[in-house]
């Protein structure tokens, strides 16, 4: 199956240009992520292809739906910076991130975008999500990331609280922030190097 068959190509010219721009930025982000450095001691491990089924199950339990094709593509493309928390060979949670390079007032900056973070229901409340986001902050600082960005649903108070605890500032709520019409916040963690 070709990518064109599985991705919906926008019909209007402006949406098509945005679509192509995002593909270009994703590719540049992929190249940047290939050179990431990691702390010598890390409580997370990078995902591998054998983890995908467990991660999809955790995603489905956490969000009430199956992950879309873009989730699986990002997991594969940014495999080096997507992590699982594992104990005794059992995956208890995951953190899916990707990189976006931008220019701000002529200065090149790199953002890390948190696509999703989730913990299996039996392991919630144990601080695993906090640990994953904290480790991700260390990795981002080590690699001169300017900021970490995430979208958080307004109807998810646990995630809102988690992101605040990890140093994120919440902007919003923004009505109709998600495709299903739900409101959400933009969570931004400006990292000081």
Protein backbone atom coordinates (compact mmCIF):
# COMPACT_ATOMS: atom_id res chain seq x y z
CA UNK A 1 0.00 0.00 0.00
CA UNK A 2 1.37 3.41 -0.92
CA UNK A 3 1.39 6.38 1.48
CA UNK A 4 -0.92 8.24 -0.90
CA UNK A 5 -3.50 5.46 -0.48
CA UNK A 6 -3.54 5.70 3.32
CA UNK A 7 -3.21 9.43 3.88
CA UNK A 8 -5.96 11.84 3.00
CA UNK A 9 -4.48 14.42 0.63
CA UNK A 10 -6.14 17.81 1.13
CA UNK A 11 -8.25 19.10 -1.77
CA UNK A 12 -7.62 22.85 -1.47
CA UNK A 13 -4.32 24.42 -2.49
CA UNK A 14 -3.65 26.09 0.89
CA UNK A 15 -4.32 22.84 2.79
CA UNK A 16 -2.13 20.94 0.33
CA UNK A 17 0.74 23.40 0.86
CA UNK A 18 0.37 23.00 4.65
CA UNK A 19 0.31 19.22 4.20
CA UNK A 20 3.56 19.28 2.18
CA UNK A 21 5.19 21.71 4.62
CA UNK A 22 4.39 19.37 7.53
CA UNK A 23 5.88 16.40 5.68
CA UNK A 24 9.05 18.45 5.08
CA UNK A 25 9.21 19.52 8.75
CA UNK A 26 8.63 15.94 9.91
CA UNK A 27 11.49 14.72 7.73
CA UNK A 28 13.82 17.44 9.08
CA UNK A 29 12.71 16.51 12.60
CA UNK A 30 13.47 12.87 11.88
CA UNK A 31 17.00 13.79 10.77
CA UNK A 32 17.54 15.85 13.93
CA UNK A 33 16.25 13.04 16.18
CA UNK A 34 18.75 10.58 14.66
CA UNK A 35 21.54 12.54 16.36
CA UNK A 36 19.97 12.78 19.81
CA UNK A 37 22.08 12.06 22.85
CA UNK A 38 20.66 10.28 25.89
CA UNK A 39 21.55 10.37 29.59
CA UNK A 40 23.83 7.53 30.70
CA UNK A 41 21.18 6.35 33.14
CA UNK A 42 17.61 6.41 31.94
CA UNK A 43 14.47 4.87 33.45
CA UNK A 44 12.89 4.56 30.00
CA UNK A 45 13.88 2.58 26.97
CA UNK A 46 13.41 3.37 23.32
CA UNK A 47 10.59 1.50 21.64
CA UNK A 48 11.14 -1.33 19.23
CA UNK A 49 8.85 -2.93 16.67
CA UNK A 50 7.77 -5.64 19.14
CA UNK A 51 6.26 -3.00 21.46
CA UNK A 52 3.66 -1.64 19.04
CA UNK A 53 0.80 -4.05 19.91
CA UNK A 54 1.13 -3.38 23.65
CA UNK A 55 1.40 0.38 23.07
CA UNK A 56 -1.72 0.30 20.86
CA UNK A 57 -3.62 -1.56 23.59
CA UNK A 58 -2.58 1.01 26.23
CA UNK A 59 -3.57 3.81 23.82
CA UNK A 60 -6.96 2.26 23.15
CA UNK A 61 -7.64 1.77 26.87
CA UNK A 62 -6.54 5.33 27.72
CA UNK A 63 -8.26 7.18 24.89
CA UNK A 64 -11.21 4.90 24.04
CA UNK A 65 -10.24 4.55 20.38
CA UNK A 66 -7.67 2.84 18.22
CA UNK A 67 -4.63 4.94 17.30
CA UNK A 68 -4.79 6.40 13.80
CA UNK A 69 -2.35 5.88 10.99
CA UNK A 70 -0.43 9.06 11.86
CA UNK A 71 0.23 7.69 15.38
CA UNK A 72 1.77 4.52 13.95
CA UNK A 73 3.78 6.47 11.35
CA UNK A 74 5.21 8.82 14.00
CA UNK A 75 6.07 5.86 16.24
CA UNK A 76 8.04 4.35 13.38
CA UNK A 77 9.60 7.57 12.07
CA UNK A 78 10.61 8.88 15.52
CA UNK A 79 11.39 5.50 17.08
CA UNK A 80 14.55 6.87 18.72
CA UNK A 81 12.57 9.39 20.78
CA UNK A 82 9.51 7.31 21.65
CA UNK A 83 9.82 5.49 24.94
CA UNK A 84 8.26 2.82 27.10
CA UNK A 85 8.39 2.36 30.85
CA UNK A 86 8.97 -1.29 31.51
CA UNK A 87 9.20 -3.41 34.67
CA UNK A 88 10.13 -7.09 34.63
CA UNK A 89 9.54 -7.28 30.87
CA UNK A 90 6.04 -5.76 31.14
CA UNK A 91 5.34 -2.41 29.44
CA UNK A 92 3.36 -0.21 31.83
CA UNK A 93 3.32 3.03 29.83
CA UNK A 94 4.65 4.86 26.79
CA UNK A 95 5.57 8.35 25.66
CA UNK A 96 5.31 9.22 21.97
CA UNK A 97 7.19 12.35 20.82
CA UNK A 98 8.36 13.95 17.60
CA UNK A 99 10.54 16.90 16.61
CA UNK A 100 9.60 20.06 14.72
CA UNK A 101 12.24 22.61 13.67
CA UNK A 102 11.05 26.22 13.34
CA UNK A 103 12.40 29.71 12.91
CA UNK A 104 11.46 32.40 15.39
CA UNK A 105 12.56 35.97 14.64
CA UNK A 106 15.30 34.60 12.41
CA UNK A 107 16.60 32.20 15.07
CA UNK A 108 16.37 28.47 14.43
CA UNK A 109 14.67 26.65 17.28
CA UNK A 110 13.69 23.04 17.79
CA UNK A 111 10.46 22.02 19.48
CA UNK A 112 9.69 18.60 20.83
CA UNK A 113 6.03 17.71 20.48
CA UNK A 114 4.48 15.22 22.84
CA UNK A 115 2.03 13.23 20.75
CA UNK A 116 0.69 11.15 23.62
CA UNK A 117 1.56 9.72 26.99
CA UNK A 118 -0.42 6.92 28.60
CA UNK A 119 -0.13 4.35 31.36
CA UNK A 120 -1.92 1.00 31.60
CA UNK A 121 -4.96 1.16 33.92
CA UNK A 122 -3.46 -1.22 36.51
CA UNK A 123 -0.38 1.02 36.85
CA UNK A 124 -2.00 4.44 37.12
CA UNK A 125 -1.36 6.56 40.18
CA UNK A 126 2.16 5.17 40.64
CA UNK A 127 3.97 8.21 39.17
CA UNK A 128 4.93 6.50 35.91
CA UNK A 129 3.63 9.27 33.63
CA UNK A 130 5.41 11.87 35.80
CA UNK A 131 8.64 9.88 35.54
CA UNK A 132 8.31 9.59 31.74
CA UNK A 133 7.71 13.32 31.27
CA UNK A 134 10.54 14.18 33.69
CA UNK A 135 12.95 11.90 31.80
CA UNK A 136 11.79 13.47 28.54
CA UNK A 137 12.58 16.94 29.95
CA UNK A 138 16.15 15.76 30.69
CA UNK A 139 16.55 14.33 27.19
CA UNK A 140 15.19 17.54 25.64
CA UNK A 141 17.58 19.75 27.65
CA UNK A 142 20.53 17.51 26.79
CA UNK A 143 19.72 18.03 23.10
CA UNK A 144 19.09 21.80 23.24
CA UNK A 145 15.37 21.60 22.65
CA UNK A 146 13.77 25.01 23.06
CA UNK A 147 10.39 23.86 24.23
CA UNK A 148 8.11 20.85 24.64
CA UNK A 149 4.56 21.22 23.34
CA UNK A 150 1.48 19.09 24.02
CA UNK A 151 -2.28 19.24 23.52
CA UNK A 152 -4.33 18.24 26.55
CA UNK A 153 -8.06 17.62 26.56
CA UNK A 154 -10.09 19.80 28.91
CA UNK A 155 -12.00 16.72 30.12
CA UNK A 156 -8.78 15.01 31.29
CA UNK A 157 -8.01 16.56 34.71
CA UNK A 158 -5.34 13.94 35.51
CA UNK A 159 -3.34 14.90 32.41
CA UNK A 160 -3.81 18.62 33.06
CA UNK A 161 -2.49 18.16 36.61
CA UNK A 162 0.41 15.99 35.39
CA UNK A 163 1.54 18.55 32.83
CA UNK A 164 1.39 21.39 35.39
CA UNK A 165 3.43 19.27 37.82
CA UNK A 166 6.05 18.71 35.10
CA UNK A 167 6.53 22.43 34.44
CA UNK A 168 4.10 22.98 31.57
CA UNK A 169 2.11 26.20 31.31
CA UNK A 170 -1.46 25.70 30.12
CA UNK A 171 -2.94 28.07 27.55
CA UNK A 172 -6.67 27.94 26.92
CA UNK A 173 -9.09 26.24 27.04
CA UNK A 174 -9.72 26.47 23.34
CA UNK A 175 -13.18 25.37 22.17
CA UNK A 176 -13.30 22.78 19.37
CA UNK A 177 -9.55 22.16 19.78
CA UNK A 178 -9.91 18.50 18.79
CA UNK A 179 -11.43 16.93 15.68
CA UNK A 180 -14.35 15.57 17.72
CA UNK A 181 -15.22 19.13 18.84
CA UNK A 182 -13.82 18.78 22.36
CA UNK A 183 -12.12 21.68 24.08
CA UNK A 184 -8.47 21.49 24.97
CA UNK A 185 -5.44 23.26 26.30
CA UNK A 186 -2.07 23.88 24.72
CA UNK A 187 0.60 22.87 27.23
CA UNK A 188 4.01 24.48 26.76
CA UNK A 189 7.17 23.76 28.72
CA UNK A 190 9.82 26.37 27.93
CA UNK A 191 13.07 24.71 28.87
CA UNK A 192 15.82 26.80 30.39
CA UNK A 193 19.24 25.55 29.40
